[in-house]
Structures are given as structure tokens and as C-alpha cells.
């Protein structure tokens, strides 16, 4: 990705970024995650 990469959807130049969560941003799908945690009977944390 470059600063002059055009968006394949809207063709806007200069607004493309990695689809990652940076520090200070909210992680994705937190509502779904907490709903699953509240309904699970086993939680396993790995690595």
C-alpha cells in the first residue's frame, strides 16, 4: 500500500490504510465476542 494508492471501490486516492486496529482504536466485533463469552461453558486462552 502507498499513500497514492486508489481505493478500488470509490477510486479516492490517499485514504487507503491497513485493516488493522491501532493503539487507541476499538477492536472489532466486541459485542459479538462478549455475547459468546457470556454464553460459553469453556474458555481457552492460547499463546
ModelCIF file with pLDDT and N, C-alpha, C, O atoms, coordinates in Angstrom:
data_MODEL
#
_entry.id   MODEL 
#
_entity.id                         1 
_entity.type                       polymer 
_entity.pdbx_number_of_molecules   1 
#
_entity_poly.entity_id                      1 
_entity_poly.type                           'polypeptide(L)' 
_entity_poly.nstd_linkage                   no 
_entity_poly.nstd_monomer                   no 
_entity_poly.pdbx_seq_one_letter_code       
;(UNK)(UNK)(UNK)(UNK)(UNK)(UNK)(UNK)(UNK)(UNK)(UNK)(UNK)(UNK)(UNK)(UNK)(UNK)(UNK)
(UNK)(UNK)(UNK)(UNK)(UNK)(UNK)(UNK)(UNK)(UNK)(UNK)(UNK)(UNK)(UNK)(UNK)(UNK)(UNK)
(UNK)(UNK)(UNK)(UNK)(UNK)(UNK)(UNK)(UNK)(UNK)(UNK)(UNK)(UNK)(UNK)(UNK)(UNK)
;
_entity_poly.pdbx_seq_one_letter_code_can   XXXXXXXXXXXXXXXXXXXXXXXXXXXXXXXXXXXXXXXXXXXXXXX 
_entity_poly.pdbx_strand_id                 A 
#
loop_
_entity_poly_seq.entity_id 
_entity_poly_seq.num 
_entity_poly_seq.mon_id 
_entity_poly_seq.hetero 
1 1  UNK n 
1 2  UNK n 
1 3  UNK n 
1 4  UNK n 
1 5  UNK n 
1 6  UNK n 
1 7  UNK n 
1 8  UNK n 
1 9  UNK n 
1 10 UNK n 
1 11 UNK n 
1 12 UNK n 
1 13 UNK n 
1 14 UNK n 
1 15 UNK n 
1 16 UNK n 
1 17 UNK n 
1 18 UNK n 
1 19 UNK n 
1 20 UNK n 
1 21 UNK n 
1 22 UNK n 
1 23 UNK n 
1 24 UNK n 
1 25 UNK n 
1 26 UNK n 
1 27 UNK n 
1 28 UNK n 
1 29 UNK n 
1 30 UNK n 
1 31 UNK n 
1 32 UNK n 
1 33 UNK n 
1 34 UNK n 
1 35 UNK n 
1 36 UNK n 
1 37 UNK n 
1 38 UNK n 
1 39 UNK n 
1 40 UNK n 
1 41 UNK n 
1 42 UNK n 
1 43 UNK n 
1 44 UNK n 
1 45 UNK n 
1 46 UNK n 
1 47 UNK n 
#
_struct_asym.id          A 
_struct_asym.entity_id   1 
#
loop_
_ma_qa_metric.id 
_ma_qa_metric.mode 
_ma_qa_metric.name 
_ma_qa_metric.software_group_id 
_ma_qa_metric.type 
1 global pLDDT . pLDDT 
2 local  pLDDT . pLDDT 
#
_ma_qa_metric_global.metric_id      1 
_ma_qa_metric_global.metric_value   96.53 
_ma_qa_metric_global.model_id       1 
_ma_qa_metric_global.ordinal_id     1 
#
loop_
_ma_qa_metric_local.label_asym_id 
_ma_qa_metric_local.label_comp_id 
_ma_qa_metric_local.label_seq_id 
_ma_qa_metric_local.metric_id 
_ma_qa_metric_local.metric_value 
_ma_qa_metric_local.model_id 
_ma_qa_metric_local.ordinal_id 
A UNK 1  2 96.00 1 1  
A UNK 2  2 96.00 1 2  
A UNK 3  2 94.00 1 3  
A UNK 4  2 95.00 1 4  
A UNK 5  2 97.00 1 5  
A UNK 6  2 97.00 1 6  
A UNK 7  2 97.00 1 7  
A UNK 8  2 96.00 1 8  
A UNK 9  2 97.00 1 9  
A UNK 10 2 97.00 1 10 
A UNK 11 2 97.00 1 11 
A UNK 12 2 95.00 1 12 
A UNK 13 2 96.00 1 13 
A UNK 14 2 92.00 1 14 
A UNK 15 2 95.00 1 15 
A UNK 16 2 97.00 1 16 
A UNK 17 2 97.00 1 17 
A UNK 18 2 97.00 1 18 
A UNK 19 2 98.00 1 19 
A UNK 20 2 97.00 1 20 
A UNK 21 2 96.00 1 21 
A UNK 22 2 95.00 1 22 
A UNK 23 2 91.00 1 23 
A UNK 24 2 92.00 1 24 
A UNK 25 2 95.00 1 25 
A UNK 26 2 96.00 1 26 
A UNK 27 2 97.00 1 27 
A UNK 28 2 98.00 1 28 
A UNK 29 2 98.00 1 29 
A UNK 30 2 98.00 1 30 
A UNK 31 2 98.00 1 31 
A UNK 32 2 98.00 1 32 
A UNK 33 2 98.00 1 33 
A UNK 34 2 98.00 1 34 
A UNK 35 2 98.00 1 35 
A UNK 36 2 98.00 1 36 
A UNK 37 2 98.00 1 37 
A UNK 38 2 97.00 1 38 
A UNK 39 2 97.00 1 39 
A UNK 40 2 97.00 1 40 
A UNK 41 2 96.00 1 41 
A UNK 42 2 98.00 1 42 
A UNK 43 2 98.00 1 43 
A UNK 44 2 98.00 1 44 
A UNK 45 2 98.00 1 45 
A UNK 46 2 98.00 1 46 
A UNK 47 2 95.00 1 47 
#
loop_
_atom_site.group_PDB 
_atom_site.id 
_atom_site.type_symbol 
_atom_site.label_atom_id 
_atom_site.label_alt_id 
_atom_site.label_comp_id 
_atom_site.label_asym_id 
_atom_site.label_entity_id 
_atom_site.label_seq_id 
_atom_site.pdbx_PDB_ins_code 
_atom_site.Cartn_x 
_atom_site.Cartn_y 
_atom_site.Cartn_z 
_atom_site.occupancy 
_atom_site.B_iso_or_equiv 
_atom_site.pdbx_formal_charge 
_atom_site.auth_seq_id 
_atom_site.auth_comp_id 
_atom_site.auth_asym_id 
_atom_site.auth_atom_id 
_atom_site.pdbx_PDB_model_num 
ATOM 1   N N  . UNK A 1 1  ? 0.853   -1.185  0.000  1.00 96.00 ? 1  UNK A N  1 
ATOM 2   C CA . UNK A 1 1  ? 0.000   0.000   0.000  1.00 96.00 ? 1  UNK A CA 1 
ATOM 3   C C  . UNK A 1 1  ? 0.889   1.235   0.000  1.00 96.00 ? 1  UNK A C  1 
ATOM 4   O O  . UNK A 1 1  ? 1.940   1.257   0.639  1.00 96.00 ? 1  UNK A O  1 
ATOM 5   N N  . UNK A 1 2  ? 0.450   2.273   -0.732 1.00 96.00 ? 2  UNK A N  1 
ATOM 6   C CA . UNK A 1 2  ? 1.191   3.528   -0.774 1.00 96.00 ? 2  UNK A CA 1 
ATOM 7   C C  . UNK A 1 2  ? 0.234   4.678   -0.492 1.00 96.00 ? 2  UNK A C  1 
ATOM 8   O O  . UNK A 1 2  ? -0.985  4.510   -0.518 1.00 96.00 ? 2  UNK A O  1 
ATOM 9   N N  . UNK A 1 3  ? 0.800   5.837   -0.226 1.00 94.00 ? 3  UNK A N  1 
ATOM 10  C CA . UNK A 1 3  ? -0.055  6.978   0.093  1.00 94.00 ? 3  UNK A CA 1 
ATOM 11  C C  . UNK A 1 3  ? -0.874  7.441   -1.112 1.00 94.00 ? 3  UNK A C  1 
ATOM 12  O O  . UNK A 1 3  ? -1.871  8.144   -0.951 1.00 94.00 ? 3  UNK A O  1 
ATOM 13  N N  . UNK A 1 4  ? -0.453  7.047   -2.330 1.00 95.00 ? 4  UNK A N  1 
ATOM 14  C CA . UNK A 1 4  ? -1.207  7.430   -3.527 1.00 95.00 ? 4  UNK A CA 1 
ATOM 15  C C  . UNK A 1 4  ? -1.997  6.255   -4.118 1.00 95.00 ? 4  UNK A C  1 
ATOM 16  O O  . UNK A 1 4  ? -2.441  6.314   -5.265 1.00 95.00 ? 4  UNK A O  1 
ATOM 17  N N  . UNK A 1 5  ? -2.173  5.175   -3.318 1.00 97.00 ? 5  UNK A N  1 
ATOM 18  C CA . UNK A 1 5  ? -2.975  4.042   -3.777 1.00 97.00 ? 5  UNK A CA 1 
ATOM 19  C C  . UNK A 1 5  ? -4.440  4.445   -3.842 1.00 97.00 ? 5  UNK A C  1 
ATOM 20  O O  . UNK A 1 5  ? -4.971  5.024   -2.894 1.00 97.00 ? 5  UNK A O  1 
ATOM 21  N N  . UNK A 1 6  ? -5.089  4.143   -4.949 1.00 97.00 ? 6  UNK A N  1 
ATOM 22  C CA . UNK A 1 6  ? -6.506  4.474   -5.118 1.00 97.00 ? 6  UNK A CA 1 
ATOM 23  C C  . UNK A 1 6  ? -7.384  3.361   -4.560 1.00 97.00 ? 6  UNK A C  1 
ATOM 24  O O  . UNK A 1 6  ? -7.064  2.179   -4.681 1.00 97.00 ? 6  UNK A O  1 
ATOM 25  N N  . UNK A 1 7  ? -8.476  3.752   -3.957 1.00 97.00 ? 7  UNK A N  1 
ATOM 26  C CA . UNK A 1 7  ? -9.440  2.777   -3.444 1.00 97.00 ? 7  UNK A CA 1 
ATOM 27  C C  . UNK A 1 7  ? -10.111 2.068   -4.621 1.00 97.00 ? 7  UNK A C  1 
ATOM 28  O O  . UNK A 1 7  ? -10.599 2.739   -5.531 1.00 97.00 ? 7  UNK A O  1 
ATOM 29  N N  . UNK A 1 8  ? -10.152 0.746   -4.632 1.00 96.00 ? 8  UNK A N  1 
ATOM 30  C CA . UNK A 1 8  ? -10.793 0.032   -5.739 1.00 96.00 ? 8  UNK A CA 1 
ATOM 31  C C  . UNK A 1 8  ? -12.305 0.210   -5.780 1.00 96.00 ? 8  UNK A C  1 
ATOM 32  O O  . UNK A 1 8  ? -12.937 -0.063  -6.801 1.00 96.00 ? 8  UNK A O  1 
ATOM 33  N N  . UNK A 1 9  ? -12.889 0.670   -4.665 1.00 97.00 ? 9  UNK A N  1 
ATOM 34  C CA . UNK A 1 9  ? -14.343 0.842   -4.610 1.00 97.00 ? 9  UNK A CA 1 
ATOM 35  C C  . UNK A 1 9  ? -14.778 2.239   -5.019 1.00 97.00 ? 9  UNK A C  1 
ATOM 36  O O  . UNK A 1 9  ? -15.661 2.394   -5.863 1.00 97.00 ? 9  UNK A O  1 
ATOM 37  N N  . UNK A 1 10 ? -14.156 3.274   -4.416 1.00 97.00 ? 10 UNK A N  1 
ATOM 38  C CA . UNK A 1 10 ? -14.598 4.654   -4.682 1.00 97.00 ? 10 UNK A CA 1 
ATOM 39  C C  . UNK A 1 10 ? -13.596 5.457   -5.503 1.00 97.00 ? 10 UNK A C  1 
ATOM 40  O O  . UNK A 1 10 ? -13.885 6.592   -5.882 1.00 97.00 ? 10 UNK A O  1 
ATOM 41  N N  . UNK A 1 11 ? -12.436 4.896   -5.783 1.00 97.00 ? 11 UNK A N  1 
ATOM 42  C CA . UNK A 1 11 ? -11.341 5.482   -6.571 1.00 97.00 ? 11 UNK A CA 1 
ATOM 43  C C  . UNK A 1 11 ? -10.655 6.672   -5.878 1.00 97.00 ? 11 UNK A C  1 
ATOM 44  O O  . UNK A 1 11 ? -9.796  7.320   -6.477 1.00 97.00 ? 11 UNK A O  1 
ATOM 45  N N  . UNK A 1 12 ? -11.022 6.957   -4.640 1.00 95.00 ? 12 UNK A N  1 
ATOM 46  C CA . UNK A 1 12 ? -10.376 8.040   -3.893 1.00 95.00 ? 12 UNK A CA 1 
ATOM 47  C C  . UNK A 1 12 ? -8.903  7.686   -3.672 1.00 95.00 ? 12 UNK A C  1 
ATOM 48  O O  . UNK A 1 12 ? -8.572  6.542   -3.357 1.00 95.00 ? 12 UNK A O  1 
ATOM 49  N N  . UNK A 1 13 ? -8.031  8.671   -3.838 1.00 96.00 ? 13 UNK A N  1 
ATOM 50  C CA . UNK A 1 13 ? -6.600  8.471   -3.654 1.00 96.00 ? 13 UNK A CA 1 
ATOM 51  C C  . UNK A 1 13 ? -6.168  9.041   -2.313 1.00 96.00 ? 13 UNK A C  1 
ATOM 52  O O  . UNK A 1 13 ? -6.582  10.136  -1.933 1.00 96.00 ? 13 UNK A O  1 
ATOM 53  N N  . UNK A 1 14 ? -5.329  8.290   -1.594 1.00 92.00 ? 14 UNK A N  1 
ATOM 54  C CA . UNK A 1 14 ? -4.741  8.800   -0.358 1.00 92.00 ? 14 UNK A CA 1 
ATOM 55  C C  . UNK A 1 14 ? -5.457  8.404   0.911  1.00 92.00 ? 14 UNK A C  1 
ATOM 56  O O  . UNK A 1 14 ? -5.077  8.856   1.992  1.00 92.00 ? 14 UNK A O  1 
ATOM 57  N N  . UNK A 1 15 ? -6.487  7.567   0.818  1.00 95.00 ? 15 UNK A N  1 
ATOM 58  C CA . UNK A 1 15 ? -7.249  7.199   2.009  1.00 95.00 ? 15 UNK A CA 1 
ATOM 59  C C  . UNK A 1 15 ? -7.198  5.713   2.329  1.00 95.00 ? 15 UNK A C  1 
ATOM 60  O O  . UNK A 1 15 ? -7.952  5.243   3.180  1.00 95.00 ? 15 UNK A O  1 
ATOM 61  N N  . UNK A 1 16 ? -6.327  4.969   1.666  1.00 97.00 ? 16 UNK A N  1 
ATOM 62  C CA . UNK A 1 16 ? -6.197  3.545   1.941  1.00 97.00 ? 16 UNK A CA 1 
ATOM 63  C C  . UNK A 1 16 ? -5.249  3.317   3.128  1.00 97.00 ? 16 UNK A C  1 
ATOM 64  O O  . UNK A 1 16 ? -4.216  3.974   3.253  1.00 97.00 ? 16 UNK A O  1 
ATOM 65  N N  . UNK A 1 17 ? -5.627  2.373   3.990  1.00 97.00 ? 17 UNK A N  1 
ATOM 66  C CA . UNK A 1 17 ? -4.822  2.050   5.161  1.00 97.00 ? 17 UNK A CA 1 
ATOM 67  C C  . UNK A 1 17 ? -4.918  0.556   5.439  1.00 97.00 ? 17 UNK A C  1 
ATOM 68  O O  . UNK A 1 17 ? -5.855  -0.098  4.981  1.00 97.00 ? 17 UNK A O  1 
ATOM 69  N N  . UNK A 1 18 ? -3.961  0.007   6.182  1.00 97.00 ? 18 UNK A N  1 
ATOM 70  C CA . UNK A 1 18 ? -4.073  -1.401  6.575  1.00 97.00 ? 18 UNK A CA 1 
ATOM 71  C C  . UNK A 1 18 ? -5.337  -1.608  7.415  1.00 97.00 ? 18 UNK A C  1 
ATOM 72  O O  . UNK A 1 18 ? -5.719  -0.740  8.200  1.00 97.00 ? 18 UNK A O  1 
ATOM 73  N N  . UNK A 1 19 ? -5.972  -2.751  7.242  1.00 98.00 ? 19 UNK A N  1 
ATOM 74  C CA . UNK A 1 19 ? -7.178  -3.053  8.011  1.00 98.00 ? 19 UNK A CA 1 
ATOM 75  C C  . UNK A 1 19 ? -6.774  -3.692  9.344  1.00 98.00 ? 19 UNK A C  1 
ATOM 76  O O  . UNK A 1 19 ? -7.092  -4.847  9.628  1.00 98.00 ? 19 UNK A O  1 
ATOM 77  N N  . UNK A 1 20 ? -6.074  -2.908  10.135 1.00 97.00 ? 20 UNK A N  1 
ATOM 78  C CA . UNK A 1 20 ? -5.622  -3.357  11.447 1.00 97.00 ? 20 UNK A CA 1 
ATOM 79  C C  . UNK A 1 20 ? -6.068  -2.344  12.492 1.00 97.00 ? 20 UNK A C  1 
ATOM 80  O O  . UNK A 1 20 ? -6.320  -1.178  12.189 1.00 97.00 ? 20 UNK A O  1 
ATOM 81  N N  . UNK A 1 21 ? -6.159  -2.817  13.718 1.00 96.00 ? 21 UNK A N  1 
ATOM 82  C CA . UNK A 1 21 ? -6.553  -1.940  14.827 1.00 96.00 ? 21 UNK A CA 1 
ATOM 83  C C  . UNK A 1 21 ? -5.293  -1.361  15.448 1.00 96.00 ? 21 UNK A C  1 
ATOM 84  O O  . UNK A 1 21 ? -4.443  -2.094  15.955 1.00 96.00 ? 21 UNK A O  1 
ATOM 85  N N  . UNK A 1 22 ? -5.181  -0.047  15.405 1.00 95.00 ? 22 UNK A N  1 
ATOM 86  C CA . UNK A 1 22 ? -4.036  0.627   16.010 1.00 95.00 ? 22 UNK A CA 1 
ATOM 87  C C  . UNK A 1 22 ? -4.319  0.953   17.467 1.00 95.00 ? 22 UNK A C  1 
ATOM 88  O O  . UNK A 1 22 ? -5.472  0.963   17.897 1.00 95.00 ? 22 UNK A O  1 
ATOM 89  N N  . UNK A 1 23 ? -3.272  1.216   18.214 1.00 91.00 ? 23 UNK A N  1 
ATOM 90  C CA . UNK A 1 23 ? -3.431  1.623   19.603 1.00 91.00 ? 23 UNK A CA 1 
ATOM 91  C C  . UNK A 1 23 ? -4.279  2.895   19.654 1.00 91.00 ? 23 UNK A C  1 
ATOM 92  O O  . UNK A 1 23 ? -4.037  3.857   18.926 1.00 91.00 ? 23 UNK A O  1 
ATOM 93  N N  . UNK A 1 24 ? -5.275  2.867   20.532 1.00 92.00 ? 24 UNK A N  1 
ATOM 94  C CA . UNK A 1 24 ? -6.200  3.983   20.626 1.00 92.00 ? 24 UNK A CA 1 
ATOM 95  C C  . UNK A 1 24 ? -7.483  3.759   19.849 1.00 92.00 ? 24 UNK A C  1 
ATOM 96  O O  . UNK A 1 24 ? -8.410  4.563   19.947 1.00 92.00 ? 24 UNK A O  1 
ATOM 97  N N  . UNK A 1 25 ? -7.555  2.667   19.070 1.00 95.00 ? 25 UNK A N  1 
ATOM 98  C CA . UNK A 1 25 ? -8.759  2.337   18.312 1.00 95.00 ? 25 UNK A CA 1 
ATOM 99  C C  . UNK A 1 25 ? -9.473  1.146   18.968 1.00 95.00 ? 25 UNK A C  1 
ATOM 100 O O  . UNK A 1 25 ? -8.858  0.356   19.684 1.00 95.00 ? 25 UNK A O  1 
ATOM 101 N N  . UNK A 1 26 ? -10.771 1.036   18.710 1.00 96.00 ? 26 UNK A N  1 
ATOM 102 C CA . UNK A 1 26 ? -11.575 -0.032  19.299 1.00 96.00 ? 26 UNK A CA 1 
ATOM 103 C C  . UNK A 1 26 ? -11.421 -1.327  18.510 1.00 96.00 ? 26 UNK A C  1 
ATOM 104 O O  . UNK A 1 26 ? -11.573 -1.320  17.288 1.00 96.00 ? 26 UNK A O  1 
ATOM 105 N N  . UNK A 1 27 ? -11.124 -2.435  19.181 1.00 97.00 ? 27 UNK A N  1 
ATOM 106 C CA . UNK A 1 27 ? -11.077 -3.726  18.487 1.00 97.00 ? 27 UNK A CA 1 
ATOM 107 C C  . UNK A 1 27 ? -12.412 -4.054  17.834 1.00 97.00 ? 27 UNK A C  1 
ATOM 108 O O  . UNK A 1 27 ? -13.451 -3.510  18.210 1.00 97.00 ? 27 UNK A O  1 
ATOM 109 N N  . UNK A 1 28 ? -12.375 -4.940  16.863 1.00 98.00 ? 28 UNK A N  1 
ATOM 110 C CA . UNK A 1 28 ? -13.565 -5.281  16.094 1.00 98.00 ? 28 UNK A CA 1 
ATOM 111 C C  . UNK A 1 28 ? -14.453 -6.301  16.820 1.00 98.00 ? 28 UNK A C  1 
ATOM 112 O O  . UNK A 1 28 ? -13.976 -7.144  17.580 1.00 98.00 ? 28 UNK A O  1 
ATOM 113 N N  . UNK A 1 29 ? -15.749 -6.192  16.559 1.00 98.00 ? 29 UNK A N  1 
ATOM 114 C CA . UNK A 1 29 ? -16.767 -7.173  16.941 1.00 98.00 ? 29 UNK A CA 1 
ATOM 115 C C  . UNK A 1 29 ? -16.795 -7.479  18.433 1.00 98.00 ? 29 UNK A C  1 
ATOM 116 O O  . UNK A 1 29 ? -16.987 -8.629  18.827 1.00 98.00 ? 29 UNK A O  1 
ATOM 117 N N  . UNK A 1 30 ? -16.605 -6.458  19.263 1.00 98.00 ? 30 UNK A N  1 
ATOM 118 C CA . UNK A 1 30 ? -16.576 -6.694  20.702 1.00 98.00 ? 30 UNK A CA 1 
ATOM 119 C C  . UNK A 1 30 ? -17.935 -7.150  21.240 1.00 98.00 ? 30 UNK A C  1 
ATOM 120 O O  . UNK A 1 30 ? -17.981 -7.963  22.163 1.00 98.00 ? 30 UNK A O  1 
ATOM 121 N N  . UNK A 1 31 ? -19.012 -6.658  20.698 1.00 98.00 ? 31 UNK A N  1 
ATOM 122 C CA . UNK A 1 31 ? -20.338 -7.084  21.164 1.00 98.00 ? 31 UNK A CA 1 
ATOM 123 C C  . UNK A 1 31 ? -20.526 -8.583  20.945 1.00 98.00 ? 31 UNK A C  1 
ATOM 124 O O  . UNK A 1 31 ? -21.017 -9.293  21.822 1.00 98.00 ? 31 UNK A O  1 
ATOM 125 N N  . UNK A 1 32 ? -20.133 -9.048  19.776 1.00 98.00 ? 32 UNK A N  1 
ATOM 126 C CA . UNK A 1 32 ? -20.262 -10.477 19.472 1.00 98.00 ? 32 UNK A CA 1 
ATOM 127 C C  . UNK A 1 32 ? -19.362 -11.313 20.374 1.00 98.00 ? 32 UNK A C  1 
ATOM 128 O O  . UNK A 1 32 ? -19.756 -12.389 20.825 1.00 98.00 ? 32 UNK A O  1 
ATOM 129 N N  . UNK A 1 33 ? -18.156 -10.819 20.635 1.00 98.00 ? 33 UNK A N  1 
ATOM 130 C CA . UNK A 1 33 ? -17.218 -11.560 21.486 1.00 98.00 ? 33 UNK A CA 1 
ATOM 131 C C  . UNK A 1 33 ? -17.757 -11.693 22.898 1.00 98.00 ? 33 UNK A C  1 
ATOM 132 O O  . UNK A 1 33 ? -17.753 -12.786 23.464 1.00 98.00 ? 33 UNK A O  1 
ATOM 133 N N  . UNK A 1 34 ? -18.226 -10.581 23.479 1.00 98.00 ? 34 UNK A N  1 
ATOM 134 C CA . UNK A 1 34 ? -18.723 -10.637 24.854 1.00 98.00 ? 34 UNK A CA 1 
ATOM 135 C C  . UNK A 1 34 ? -19.996 -11.465 24.961 1.00 98.00 ? 34 UNK A C  1 
ATOM 136 O O  . UNK A 1 34 ? -20.225 -12.123 25.976 1.00 98.00 ? 34 UNK A O  1 
ATOM 137 N N  . UNK A 1 35 ? -20.821 -11.438 23.928 1.00 98.00 ? 35 UNK A N  1 
ATOM 138 C CA . UNK A 1 35 ? -22.018 -12.280 23.934 1.00 98.00 ? 35 UNK A CA 1 
ATOM 139 C C  . UNK A 1 35 ? -21.627 -13.749 23.972 1.00 98.00 ? 35 UNK A C  1 
ATOM 140 O O  . UNK A 1 35 ? -22.248 -14.543 24.679 1.00 98.00 ? 35 UNK A O  1 
ATOM 141 N N  . UNK A 1 36 ? -20.595 -14.115 23.209 1.00 98.00 ? 36 UNK A N  1 
ATOM 142 C CA . UNK A 1 36 ? -20.121 -15.502 23.206 1.00 98.00 ? 36 UNK A CA 1 
ATOM 143 C C  . UNK A 1 36 ? -19.510 -15.876 24.549 1.00 98.00 ? 36 UNK A C  1 
ATOM 144 O O  . UNK A 1 36 ? -19.734 -16.982 25.042 1.00 98.00 ? 36 UNK A O  1 
ATOM 145 N N  . UNK A 1 37 ? -18.740 -14.970 25.148 1.00 98.00 ? 37 UNK A N  1 
ATOM 146 C CA . UNK A 1 37 ? -18.134 -15.236 26.451 1.00 98.00 ? 37 UNK A CA 1 
ATOM 147 C C  . UNK A 1 37 ? -19.199 -15.435 27.523 1.00 98.00 ? 37 UNK A C  1 
ATOM 148 O O  . UNK A 1 37 ? -19.062 -16.296 28.392 1.00 98.00 ? 37 UNK A O  1 
ATOM 149 N N  . UNK A 1 38 ? -20.250 -14.642 27.458 1.00 97.00 ? 38 UNK A N  1 
ATOM 150 C CA . UNK A 1 38 ? -21.314 -14.736 28.461 1.00 97.00 ? 38 UNK A CA 1 
ATOM 151 C C  . UNK A 1 38 ? -22.121 -16.020 28.327 1.00 97.00 ? 38 UNK A C  1 
ATOM 152 O O  . UNK A 1 38 ? -22.805 -16.427 29.267 1.00 97.00 ? 38 UNK A O  1 
ATOM 153 N N  . UNK A 1 39 ? -22.044 -16.662 27.158 1.00 97.00 ? 39 UNK A N  1 
ATOM 154 C CA . UNK A 1 39 ? -22.813 -17.879 26.945 1.00 97.00 ? 39 UNK A CA 1 
ATOM 155 C C  . UNK A 1 39 ? -21.985 -19.145 26.883 1.00 97.00 ? 39 UNK A C  1 
ATOM 156 O O  . UNK A 1 39 ? -22.533 -20.227 26.676 1.00 97.00 ? 39 UNK A O  1 
ATOM 157 N N  . UNK A 1 40 ? -20.657 -19.035 27.059 1.00 97.00 ? 40 UNK A N  1 
ATOM 158 C CA . UNK A 1 40 ? -19.815 -20.215 26.896 1.00 97.00 ? 40 UNK A CA 1 
ATOM 159 C C  . UNK A 1 40 ? -19.683 -20.997 28.198 1.00 97.00 ? 40 UNK A C  1 
ATOM 160 O O  . UNK A 1 40 ? -19.879 -20.455 29.285 1.00 97.00 ? 40 UNK A O  1 
ATOM 161 N N  . UNK A 1 41 ? -19.350 -22.275 28.071 1.00 96.00 ? 41 UNK A N  1 
ATOM 162 C CA . UNK A 1 41 ? -19.042 -23.063 29.261 1.00 96.00 ? 41 UNK A CA 1 
ATOM 163 C C  . UNK A 1 41 ? -17.576 -23.504 29.286 1.00 96.00 ? 41 UNK A C  1 
ATOM 164 O O  . UNK A 1 41 ? -17.147 -24.195 30.210 1.00 96.00 ? 41 UNK A O  1 
ATOM 165 N N  . UNK A 1 42 ? -16.805 -23.097 28.257 1.00 98.00 ? 42 UNK A N  1 
ATOM 166 C CA . UNK A 1 42 ? -15.363 -23.343 28.243 1.00 98.00 ? 42 UNK A CA 1 
ATOM 167 C C  . UNK A 1 42 ? -14.675 -22.196 27.526 1.00 98.00 ? 42 UNK A C  1 
ATOM 168 O O  . UNK A 1 42 ? -15.054 -21.825 26.415 1.00 98.00 ? 42 UNK A O  1 
ATOM 169 N N  . UNK A 1 43 ? -13.658 -21.636 28.175 1.00 98.00 ? 43 UNK A N  1 
ATOM 170 C CA . UNK A 1 43 ? -12.840 -20.586 27.577 1.00 98.00 ? 43 UNK A CA 1 
ATOM 171 C C  . UNK A 1 43 ? -11.392 -21.043 27.608 1.00 98.00 ? 43 UNK A C  1 
ATOM 172 O O  . UNK A 1 43 ? -10.874 -21.414 28.661 1.00 98.00 ? 43 UNK A O  1 
ATOM 173 N N  . UNK A 1 44 ? -10.735 -21.015 26.448 1.00 98.00 ? 44 UNK A N  1 
ATOM 174 C CA . UNK A 1 44 ? -9.347  -21.450 26.338 1.00 98.00 ? 44 UNK A CA 1 
ATOM 175 C C  . UNK A 1 44 ? -8.512  -20.311 25.765 1.00 98.00 ? 44 UNK A C  1 
ATOM 176 O O  . UNK A 1 44 ? -8.823  -19.780 24.699 1.00 98.00 ? 44 UNK A O  1 
ATOM 177 N N  . UNK A 1 45 ? -7.463  -19.942 26.469 1.00 98.00 ? 45 UNK A N  1 
ATOM 178 C CA . UNK A 1 45 ? -6.551  -18.888 26.016 1.00 98.00 ? 45 UNK A CA 1 
ATOM 179 C C  . UNK A 1 45 ? -5.234  -19.523 25.595 1.00 98.00 ? 45 UNK A C  1 
ATOM 180 O O  . UNK A 1 45 ? -4.633  -20.289 26.349 1.00 98.00 ? 45 UNK A O  1 
ATOM 181 N N  . UNK A 1 46 ? -4.789  -19.196 24.378 1.00 98.00 ? 46 UNK A N  1 
ATOM 182 C CA . UNK A 1 46 ? -3.606  -19.844 23.800 1.00 98.00 ? 46 UNK A CA 1 
ATOM 183 C C  . UNK A 1 46 ? -2.595  -18.804 23.324 1.00 98.00 ? 46 UNK A C  1 
ATOM 184 O O  . UNK A 1 46 ? -2.922  -17.939 22.511 1.00 98.00 ? 46 UNK A O  1 
ATOM 185 N N  . UNK A 1 47 ? -1.380  -18.892 23.827 1.00 95.00 ? 47 UNK A N  1 
ATOM 186 C CA . UNK A 1 47 ? -0.293  -18.077 23.292 1.00 95.00 ? 47 UNK A CA 1 
ATOM 187 C C  . UNK A 1 47 ? -0.449  -16.583 23.500 1.00 95.00 ? 47 UNK A C  1 
ATOM 188 O O  . UNK A 1 47 ? 0.413   -15.809 23.086 1.00 95.00 ? 47 UNK A O  1 
#
